[in-house]
Amino acid sequence: MDGKNSPRDRLLGVGETSRRLGYRPQTLYNRAGELAKLPFFRIGRSLRFSEADIERFLDARRVAPRTGTAG
């Protein structure tokens, strides 16, 4: 993928998105505007999240393991 959403990128509802992120569904509704790093689509009263955007959101928050020895 070239870093942009493809026309075939799957859109996920709040339920599946919340399971993937570990948020309660209500948190996504309440904080959708505050989670600026996670773009979303508003279709009527529903929120939809791009599967690719969710993966990028999670990858950006990945913490690399420490290297070296504890001292």
N, C-alpha and C. Protein backbone atom coordinates (compact mmCIF):
# COMPACT_ATOMS: atom_id res chain seq x y z
N MET A 1 0.84 -1.17 0.00
CA MET A 1 0.00 0.00 0.00
C MET A 1 0.89 1.23 0.00
N ASP A 2 0.42 2.32 -0.57
CA ASP A 2 1.23 3.52 -0.73
C ASP A 2 1.08 4.53 0.40
N GLY A 3 0.47 4.13 1.53
CA GLY A 3 0.32 5.03 2.65
C GLY A 3 -1.00 5.78 2.65
N LYS A 4 -1.72 5.69 1.56
CA LYS A 4 -3.04 6.33 1.49
C LYS A 4 -4.09 5.24 1.52
N ASN A 5 -5.29 5.61 1.86
CA ASN A 5 -6.38 4.64 1.88
C ASN A 5 -6.78 4.31 0.46
N SER A 6 -6.90 3.05 0.18
CA SER A 6 -7.34 2.63 -1.15
C SER A 6 -8.86 2.64 -1.17
N PRO A 7 -9.45 2.73 -2.35
CA PRO A 7 -10.91 2.71 -2.43
C PRO A 7 -11.52 1.44 -1.85
N ARG A 8 -10.74 0.38 -1.77
CA ARG A 8 -11.24 -0.90 -1.25
C ARG A 8 -10.91 -1.10 0.22
N ASP A 9 -10.34 -0.08 0.85
CA ASP A 9 -10.01 -0.18 2.27
C ASP A 9 -11.30 -0.42 3.05
N ARG A 10 -11.27 -1.40 3.91
CA ARG A 10 -12.46 -1.79 4.67
C ARG A 10 -12.76 -0.79 5.77
N LEU A 11 -14.00 -0.40 5.89
CA LEU A 11 -14.44 0.49 6.96
C LEU A 11 -15.05 -0.35 8.07
N LEU A 12 -14.63 -0.08 9.30
CA LEU A 12 -15.09 -0.84 10.45
C LEU A 12 -15.98 0.03 11.32
N GLY A 13 -16.96 -0.60 11.92
CA GLY A 13 -17.86 0.11 12.82
C GLY A 13 -17.21 0.30 14.19
N VAL A 14 -17.93 0.95 15.04
CA VAL A 14 -17.44 1.26 16.39
C VAL A 14 -17.16 -0.02 17.18
N GLY A 15 -18.02 -1.03 17.04
CA GLY A 15 -17.84 -2.27 17.80
C GLY A 15 -16.52 -2.95 17.51
N GLU A 16 -16.25 -3.18 16.23
CA GLU A 16 -15.00 -3.86 15.87
C GLU A 16 -13.79 -2.98 16.15
N THR A 17 -13.91 -1.70 15.90
CA THR A 17 -12.80 -0.78 16.17
C THR A 17 -12.48 -0.76 17.66
N SER A 18 -13.50 -0.73 18.50
CA SER A 18 -13.26 -0.70 19.95
C SER A 18 -12.58 -1.98 20.42
N ARG A 19 -12.95 -3.11 19.85
CA ARG A 19 -12.29 -4.38 20.22
C ARG A 19 -10.81 -4.35 19.82
N ARG A 20 -10.52 -3.83 18.65
CA ARG A 20 -9.12 -3.80 18.19
C ARG A 20 -8.26 -2.85 19.01
N LEU A 21 -8.85 -1.73 19.46
CA LEU A 21 -8.08 -0.73 20.19
C LEU A 21 -8.11 -0.92 21.69
N GLY A 22 -9.05 -1.71 22.18
CA GLY A 22 -9.16 -1.90 23.62
C GLY A 22 -9.91 -0.78 24.31
N TYR A 23 -10.67 -0.01 23.54
CA TYR A 23 -11.53 1.05 24.10
C TYR A 23 -12.95 0.53 24.19
N ARG A 24 -13.72 1.09 25.11
CA ARG A 24 -15.15 0.80 25.13
C ARG A 24 -15.77 1.55 23.95
N PRO A 25 -16.84 1.00 23.34
CA PRO A 25 -17.48 1.70 22.23
C PRO A 25 -17.87 3.13 22.58
N GLN A 26 -18.38 3.35 23.78
CA GLN A 26 -18.80 4.69 24.16
C GLN A 26 -17.63 5.67 24.16
N THR A 27 -16.44 5.18 24.48
CA THR A 27 -15.25 6.03 24.46
C THR A 27 -14.98 6.55 23.05
N LEU A 28 -15.16 5.69 22.06
CA LEU A 28 -14.95 6.14 20.68
C LEU A 28 -15.96 7.21 20.30
N TYR A 29 -17.21 7.04 20.70
CA TYR A 29 -18.21 8.06 20.41
C TYR A 29 -17.88 9.37 21.14
N ASN A 30 -17.53 9.28 22.40
CA ASN A 30 -17.28 10.47 23.21
C ASN A 30 -16.01 11.21 22.80
N ARG A 31 -14.99 10.48 22.39
CA ARG A 31 -13.68 11.08 22.15
C ARG A 31 -13.26 11.06 20.69
N ALA A 32 -14.17 10.79 19.79
CA ALA A 32 -13.80 10.69 18.37
C ALA A 32 -13.06 11.93 17.89
N GLY A 33 -13.51 13.10 18.26
CA GLY A 33 -12.85 14.34 17.85
C GLY A 33 -11.51 14.54 18.53
N GLU A 34 -11.35 14.01 19.74
CA GLU A 34 -10.11 14.18 20.49
C GLU A 34 -9.03 13.22 20.02
N LEU A 35 -9.41 12.10 19.47
CA LEU A 35 -8.43 11.13 18.98
C LEU A 35 -7.97 11.57 17.59
N ALA A 36 -7.33 12.72 17.55
CA ALA A 36 -7.01 13.37 16.28
C ALA A 36 -6.13 12.51 15.38
N LYS A 37 -5.40 11.61 15.96
CA LYS A 37 -4.52 10.77 15.16
C LYS A 37 -5.26 9.59 14.52
N LEU A 38 -6.52 9.43 14.86
CA LEU A 38 -7.32 8.35 14.28
C LEU A 38 -8.48 8.96 13.50
N PRO A 39 -8.28 9.14 12.19
CA PRO A 39 -9.35 9.72 11.38
C PRO A 39 -10.56 8.80 11.34
N PHE A 40 -11.72 9.39 11.10
CA PHE A 40 -12.94 8.59 11.00
C PHE A 40 -13.88 9.24 10.00
N PHE A 41 -14.85 8.46 9.59
CA PHE A 41 -15.91 8.93 8.70
C PHE A 41 -17.20 8.97 9.51
N ARG A 42 -17.98 10.01 9.31
CA ARG A 42 -19.30 10.07 9.92
C ARG A 42 -20.29 9.83 8.79
N ILE A 43 -21.01 8.73 8.88
CA ILE A 43 -22.01 8.37 7.89
C ILE A 43 -23.35 8.38 8.62
N GLY A 44 -24.11 9.43 8.40
CA GLY A 44 -25.32 9.62 9.19
C GLY A 44 -24.92 9.84 10.63
N ARG A 45 -25.44 9.02 11.52
CA ARG A 45 -25.08 9.11 12.94
C ARG A 45 -23.99 8.10 13.33
N SER A 46 -23.57 7.32 12.35
CA SER A 46 -22.58 6.27 12.61
C SER A 46 -21.17 6.75 12.36
N LEU A 47 -20.24 6.19 13.11
CA LEU A 47 -18.82 6.43 12.88
C LEU A 47 -18.24 5.20 12.21
N ARG A 48 -17.36 5.41 11.25
CA ARG A 48 -16.67 4.32 10.58
C ARG A 48 -15.19 4.66 10.57
N PHE A 49 -14.38 3.63 10.76
CA PHE A 49 -12.93 3.80 10.84
C PHE A 49 -12.28 2.92 9.79
N SER A 50 -11.31 3.47 9.10
CA SER A 50 -10.57 2.73 8.09
C SER A 50 -9.67 1.70 8.77
N GLU A 51 -9.69 0.50 8.25
CA GLU A 51 -8.84 -0.56 8.80
C GLU A 51 -7.37 -0.17 8.71
N ALA A 52 -6.98 0.45 7.60
CA ALA A 52 -5.58 0.88 7.43
C ALA A 52 -5.23 1.98 8.43
N ASP A 53 -6.15 2.90 8.68
CA ASP A 53 -5.90 3.96 9.66
C ASP A 53 -5.73 3.40 11.06
N ILE A 54 -6.51 2.38 11.39
CA ILE A 54 -6.39 1.74 12.71
C ILE A 54 -5.02 1.11 12.85
N GLU A 55 -4.56 0.42 11.81
CA GLU A 55 -3.24 -0.21 11.86
C GLU A 55 -2.14 0.83 12.03
N ARG A 56 -2.23 1.95 11.30
CA ARG A 56 -1.24 3.02 11.43
C ARG A 56 -1.29 3.63 12.84
N PHE A 57 -2.49 3.81 13.38
CA PHE A 57 -2.66 4.35 14.73
C PHE A 57 -1.96 3.45 15.75
N LEU A 58 -2.15 2.14 15.61
CA LEU A 58 -1.52 1.20 16.54
C LEU A 58 -0.01 1.15 16.34
N ASP A 59 0.44 1.12 15.08
CA ASP A 59 1.88 1.08 14.81
C ASP A 59 2.60 2.30 15.38
N ALA A 60 1.95 3.46 15.33
CA ALA A 60 2.56 4.69 15.85
C ALA A 60 2.71 4.64 17.37
N ARG A 61 1.99 3.77 18.02
CA ARG A 61 2.04 3.67 19.48
C ARG A 61 2.84 2.47 19.97
N ARG A 62 3.45 1.78 19.05
CA ARG A 62 4.25 0.61 19.41
C ARG A 62 5.49 1.05 20.19
N VAL A 63 5.77 0.38 21.27
CA VAL A 63 6.93 0.68 22.09
C VAL A 63 7.94 -0.45 21.89
N ALA A 64 9.12 -0.08 21.47
CA ALA A 64 10.16 -1.08 21.24
C ALA A 64 10.68 -1.58 22.59
N PRO A 65 11.02 -2.87 22.66
CA PRO A 65 11.58 -3.39 23.91
C PRO A 65 12.94 -2.75 24.19
N ARG A 66 13.23 -2.63 25.46
CA ARG A 66 14.54 -2.10 25.86
C ARG A 66 15.61 -3.12 25.56
N THR A 67 16.77 -2.60 25.22
CA THR A 67 17.92 -3.50 25.02
C THR A 67 18.93 -3.20 26.10
N GLY A 68 19.79 -4.12 26.34
CA GLY A 68 20.80 -3.95 27.39
C GLY A 68 20.44 -4.76 28.62
N THR A 69 21.26 -4.63 29.62
CA THR A 69 21.02 -5.40 30.85
C THR A 69 20.60 -4.49 31.97
N ALA A 70 19.82 -5.05 32.84
CA ALA A 70 19.40 -4.29 34.02
C ALA A 70 20.58 -4.27 34.99
N GLY A 71 20.75 -3.18 35.65
CA GLY A 71 21.95 -3.09 36.40
C GLY A 71 21.91 -2.97 37.82
